């Protein structure tokens, strides 16, 4: 039920601030650890971040200058133990060959189809996932 912890520290926790684990509170020397932020972080669930120290390289595309995105991961990207469920929750990126049939079955289930509106054949879903995989703005 606890949504945040407040820490009063003598020294600035630079690494924790950079990772998003802590955010500055309104009072000097105080920092908040928000539950919603904490559960999004890869540590300690996956150890080192896969993209945390990707070097910045500026590129131009579409007439705009921007940093090059790090390579998309193709593995497990999140894991934690959920004590309410008594089970591990794990998220990984899609492997089209391995997951296509499962994705097709899921998208064609009436409950999911009514929300996502992406029902279709295996080939339509292969094309859909392929486009998402090629899009640098999405992580499948």
C-alpha atoms as a PDB file:
ATOM      1  CA  UNK A   1       0.000   0.000   0.000  1.00  0.00           C
ATOM      2  CA  UNK A   2       3.011   2.306   0.389  1.00  0.00           C
ATOM      3  CA  UNK A   3       3.240   4.520  -2.701  1.00  0.00           C
ATOM      4  CA  UNK A   4       6.442   6.408  -1.844  1.00  0.00           C
ATOM      5  CA  UNK A   5       9.350   6.489   0.562  1.00  0.00           C
ATOM      6  CA  UNK A   6      11.074   9.710   1.598  1.00  0.00           C
ATOM      7  CA  UNK A   7      14.825   9.593   2.230  1.00  0.00           C
ATOM      8  CA  UNK A   8      16.786  12.342   3.989  1.00  0.00           C
ATOM      9  CA  UNK A   9      20.418  12.058   2.919  1.00  0.00           C
ATOM     10  CA  UNK A  10      23.571  14.014   3.737  1.00  0.00           C
ATOM     11  CA  UNK A  11      25.042  13.465   0.267  1.00  0.00           C
ATOM     12  CA  UNK A  12      23.407  13.760  -3.139  1.00  0.00           C
ATOM     13  CA  UNK A  13      22.642  10.245  -4.445  1.00  0.00           C
ATOM     14  CA  UNK A  14      23.800  10.996  -7.996  1.00  0.00           C
ATOM     15  CA  UNK A  15      23.545   7.443  -9.370  1.00  0.00           C
ATOM     16  CA  UNK A  16      20.063   6.922  -7.896  1.00  0.00           C
ATOM     17  CA  UNK A  17      18.910  10.265  -9.356  1.00  0.00           C
ATOM     18  CA  UNK A  18      20.314   9.451 -12.808  1.00  0.00           C
ATOM     19  CA  UNK A  19      18.617   6.049 -12.848  1.00  0.00           C
ATOM     20  CA  UNK A  20      15.231   7.424 -11.757  1.00  0.00           C
ATOM     21  CA  UNK A  21      15.224   5.380  -8.544  1.00  0.00           C
ATOM     22  CA  UNK A  22      15.058   8.596  -6.507  1.00  0.00           C
ATOM     23  CA  UNK A  23      13.653  12.012  -7.385  1.00  0.00           C
ATOM     24  CA  UNK A  24      14.246  15.237  -5.454  1.00  0.00           C
ATOM     25  CA  UNK A  25      11.558  16.071  -2.888  1.00  0.00           C
ATOM     26  CA  UNK A  26      10.415  19.595  -2.018  1.00  0.00           C
ATOM     27  CA  UNK A  27      12.752  19.776   0.994  1.00  0.00           C
ATOM     28  CA  UNK A  28      16.513  20.155   0.469  1.00  0.00           C
ATOM     29  CA  UNK A  29      18.375  16.898   1.148  1.00  0.00           C
ATOM     30  CA  UNK A  30      15.181  14.833   0.830  1.00  0.00           C
ATOM     31  CA  UNK A  31      14.497  12.393  -2.002  1.00  0.00           C
ATOM     32  CA  UNK A  32      11.451  10.325  -2.946  1.00  0.00           C
ATOM     33  CA  UNK A  33      11.351   6.760  -4.147  1.00  0.00           C
ATOM     34  CA  UNK A  34       8.039   6.404  -5.998  1.00  0.00           C
ATOM     35  CA  UNK A  35       6.506   2.930  -6.236  1.00  0.00           C
ATOM     36  CA  UNK A  36       5.424   3.560  -9.850  1.00  0.00           C
ATOM     37  CA  UNK A  37       8.983   4.464 -10.868  1.00  0.00           C
ATOM     38  CA  UNK A  38      10.670   1.742  -8.825  1.00  0.00           C
ATOM     39  CA  UNK A  39       8.840  -1.136 -10.567  1.00  0.00           C
ATOM     40  CA  UNK A  40       9.837   0.149 -14.007  1.00  0.00           C
ATOM     41  CA  UNK A  41      13.570  -0.053 -13.354  1.00  0.00           C
ATOM     42  CA  UNK A  42      15.603  -3.082 -14.460  1.00  0.00           C
ATOM     43  CA  UNK A  43      17.625  -3.193 -11.211  1.00  0.00           C
ATOM     44  CA  UNK A  44      17.677  -5.409  -9.277  1.00  0.00           C
ATOM     45  CA  UNK A  45      15.471  -7.584 -11.489  1.00  0.00           C
ATOM     46  CA  UNK A  46      17.857  -7.835 -14.454  1.00  0.00           C
ATOM     47  CA  UNK A  47      21.140  -6.530 -13.090  1.00  0.00           C
ATOM     48  CA  UNK A  48      22.792  -4.001 -15.395  1.00  0.00           C
ATOM     49  CA  UNK A  49      20.594  -1.957 -17.707  1.00  0.00           C
ATOM     50  CA  UNK A  50      20.800  -3.010 -21.344  1.00  0.00           C
ATOM     51  CA  UNK A  51      20.727   0.552 -22.673  1.00  0.00           C
ATOM     52  CA  UNK A  52      21.695   2.672 -19.662  1.00  0.00           C
ATOM     53  CA  UNK A  53      25.101   3.764 -20.939  1.00  0.00           C
ATOM     54  CA  UNK A  54      24.591   3.876 -24.686  1.00  0.00           C
ATOM     55  CA  UNK A  55      26.885   6.601 -26.050  1.00  0.00           C
ATOM     56  CA  UNK A  56      25.190   9.613 -27.565  1.00  0.00           C
ATOM     57  CA  UNK A  57      25.699  10.114 -31.289  1.00  0.00           C
ATOM     58  CA  UNK A  58      23.819  12.852 -33.078  1.00  0.00           C
ATOM     59  CA  UNK A  59      22.287  12.002 -36.470  1.00  0.00           C
ATOM     60  CA  UNK A  60      19.973  13.735 -38.913  1.00  0.00           C
ATOM     61  CA  UNK A  61      16.846  12.047 -40.231  1.00  0.00           C
ATOM     62  CA  UNK A  62      13.715  13.600 -41.652  1.00  0.00           C
ATOM     63  CA  UNK A  63      15.563  16.924 -41.639  1.00  0.00           C
ATOM     64  CA  UNK A  64      15.903  16.884 -37.841  1.00  0.00           C
ATOM     65  CA  UNK A  65      18.960  16.436 -35.660  1.00  0.00           C
ATOM     66  CA  UNK A  66      18.518  13.947 -32.830  1.00  0.00           C
ATOM     67  CA  UNK A  67      20.462  11.329 -30.841  1.00  0.00           C
ATOM     68  CA  UNK A  68      20.733   7.889 -32.428  1.00  0.00           C
ATOM     69  CA  UNK A  69      18.581   5.400 -30.588  1.00  0.00           C
ATOM     70  CA  UNK A  70      20.326   2.459 -28.926  1.00  0.00           C
ATOM     71  CA  UNK A  71      19.765  -0.936 -30.553  1.00  0.00           C
ATOM     72  CA  UNK A  72      16.499  -2.571 -29.613  1.00  0.00           C
ATOM     73  CA  UNK A  73      16.919  -5.415 -27.151  1.00  0.00           C
ATOM     74  CA  UNK A  74      15.873  -8.885 -28.262  1.00  0.00           C
ATOM     75  CA  UNK A  75      15.571 -10.581 -24.907  1.00  0.00           C
ATOM     76  CA  UNK A  76      13.933 -10.334 -21.523  1.00  0.00           C
ATOM     77  CA  UNK A  77      13.476  -6.663 -20.659  1.00  0.00           C
ATOM     78  CA  UNK A  78      11.765  -6.863 -17.255  1.00  0.00           C
ATOM     79  CA  UNK A  79      11.290  -9.357 -14.427  1.00  0.00           C
ATOM     80  CA  UNK A  80      10.066  -9.175 -10.862  1.00  0.00           C
ATOM     81  CA  UNK A  81       8.365 -11.350  -8.280  1.00  0.00           C
ATOM     82  CA  UNK A  82       4.751 -10.340  -7.583  1.00  0.00           C
ATOM     83  CA  UNK A  83       3.993 -11.298  -3.979  1.00  0.00           C
ATOM     84  CA  UNK A  84       0.233 -10.898  -4.476  1.00  0.00           C
ATOM     85  CA  UNK A  85       0.273 -13.468  -7.297  1.00  0.00           C
ATOM     86  CA  UNK A  86       3.004 -15.564  -5.731  1.00  0.00           C
ATOM     87  CA  UNK A  87       4.681 -15.755  -9.143  1.00  0.00           C
ATOM     88  CA  UNK A  88       7.342 -14.158 -11.325  1.00  0.00           C
ATOM     89  CA  UNK A  89       6.256 -11.656 -13.975  1.00  0.00           C
ATOM     90  CA  UNK A  90       8.554 -11.470 -16.979  1.00  0.00           C
ATOM     91  CA  UNK A  91       8.405  -9.435 -20.189  1.00  0.00           C
ATOM     92  CA  UNK A  92      10.521 -10.091 -23.255  1.00  0.00           C
ATOM     93  CA  UNK A  93      10.572  -8.778 -26.782  1.00  0.00           C
ATOM     94  CA  UNK A  94       8.605 -10.587 -29.477  1.00  0.00           C
ATOM     95  CA  UNK A  95      10.286 -13.279 -31.552  1.00  0.00           C
ATOM     96  CA  UNK A  96       8.006 -13.353 -34.597  1.00  0.00           C
ATOM     97  CA  UNK A  97       8.764 -16.959 -35.555  1.00  0.00           C
ATOM     98  CA  UNK A  98       8.291 -18.201 -32.000  1.00  0.00           C
ATOM     99  CA  UNK A  99       5.349 -15.977 -30.992  1.00  0.00           C
ATOM    100  CA  UNK A 100       3.302 -15.532 -34.183  1.00  0.00           C
ATOM    101  CA  UNK A 101       0.745 -18.294 -33.502  1.00  0.00           C
ATOM    102  CA  UNK A 102       0.289 -17.147 -29.881  1.00  0.00           C
ATOM    103  CA  UNK A 103      -0.055 -13.487 -30.953  1.00  0.00           C
ATOM    104  CA  UNK A 104      -2.585 -14.450 -33.651  1.00  0.00           C
ATOM    105  CA  UNK A 105      -4.676 -16.458 -31.190  1.00  0.00           C
ATOM    106  CA  UNK A 106      -4.565 -13.605 -28.660  1.00  0.00           C
ATOM    107  CA  UNK A 107      -5.502 -10.880 -31.178  1.00  0.00           C
ATOM    108  CA  UNK A 108      -8.384 -12.991 -32.504  1.00  0.00           C
ATOM    109  CA  UNK A 109      -9.908 -13.650 -29.074  1.00  0.00           C
ATOM    110  CA  UNK A 110     -13.156 -11.633 -28.828  1.00  0.00           C
ATOM    111  CA  UNK A 111     -12.140  -9.729 -25.678  1.00  0.00           C
ATOM    112  CA  UNK A 112      -8.796  -8.594 -27.115  1.00  0.00           C
ATOM    113  CA  UNK A 113     -10.159  -7.949 -30.615  1.00  0.00           C
ATOM    114  CA  UNK A 114     -12.848  -5.621 -29.266  1.00  0.00           C
ATOM    115  CA  UNK A 115     -10.147  -3.400 -27.755  1.00  0.00           C
ATOM    116  CA  UNK A 116      -7.143  -3.661 -30.108  1.00  0.00           C
ATOM    117  CA  UNK A 117      -9.078  -4.071 -33.375  1.00  0.00           C
ATOM    118  CA  UNK A 118      -6.165  -6.077 -34.825  1.00  0.00           C
ATOM    119  CA  UNK A 119      -7.782  -9.431 -35.583  1.00  0.00           C
ATOM    120  CA  UNK A 120      -6.491 -11.142 -38.744  1.00  0.00           C
ATOM    121  CA  UNK A 121      -4.712 -14.059 -40.349  1.00  0.00           C
ATOM    122  CA  UNK A 122      -1.256 -15.368 -39.517  1.00  0.00           C
ATOM    123  CA  UNK A 123       0.212 -13.573 -42.540  1.00  0.00           C
ATOM    124  CA  UNK A 124      -1.482 -10.294 -41.604  1.00  0.00           C
ATOM    125  CA  UNK A 125      -0.085 -10.583 -38.101  1.00  0.00           C
ATOM    126  CA  UNK A 126       3.387 -11.509 -39.405  1.00  0.00           C
ATOM    127  CA  UNK A 127       3.319  -8.307 -41.486  1.00  0.00           C
ATOM    128  CA  UNK A 128       1.964  -6.270 -38.538  1.00  0.00           C
ATOM    129  CA  UNK A 129       4.682  -7.503 -36.155  1.00  0.00           C
ATOM    130  CA  UNK A 130       7.355  -7.066 -38.825  1.00  0.00           C
ATOM    131  CA  UNK A 131       6.401  -3.412 -39.286  1.00  0.00           C
ATOM    132  CA  UNK A 132       6.483  -2.835 -35.518  1.00  0.00           C
ATOM    133  CA  UNK A 133       9.830  -4.582 -35.259  1.00  0.00           C
ATOM    134  CA  UNK A 134      11.274  -2.352 -38.017  1.00  0.00           C
ATOM    135  CA  UNK A 135       9.893   0.849 -36.465  1.00  0.00           C
ATOM    136  CA  UNK A 136      12.595   2.485 -34.314  1.00  0.00           C
ATOM    137  CA  UNK A 137       9.893   4.136 -32.186  1.00  0.00           C
ATOM    138  CA  UNK A 138       8.364   0.899 -30.875  1.00  0.00           C
ATOM    139  CA  UNK A 139       9.553  -2.025 -28.804  1.00  0.00           C
ATOM    140  CA  UNK A 140       7.622  -5.185 -29.588  1.00  0.00           C
END
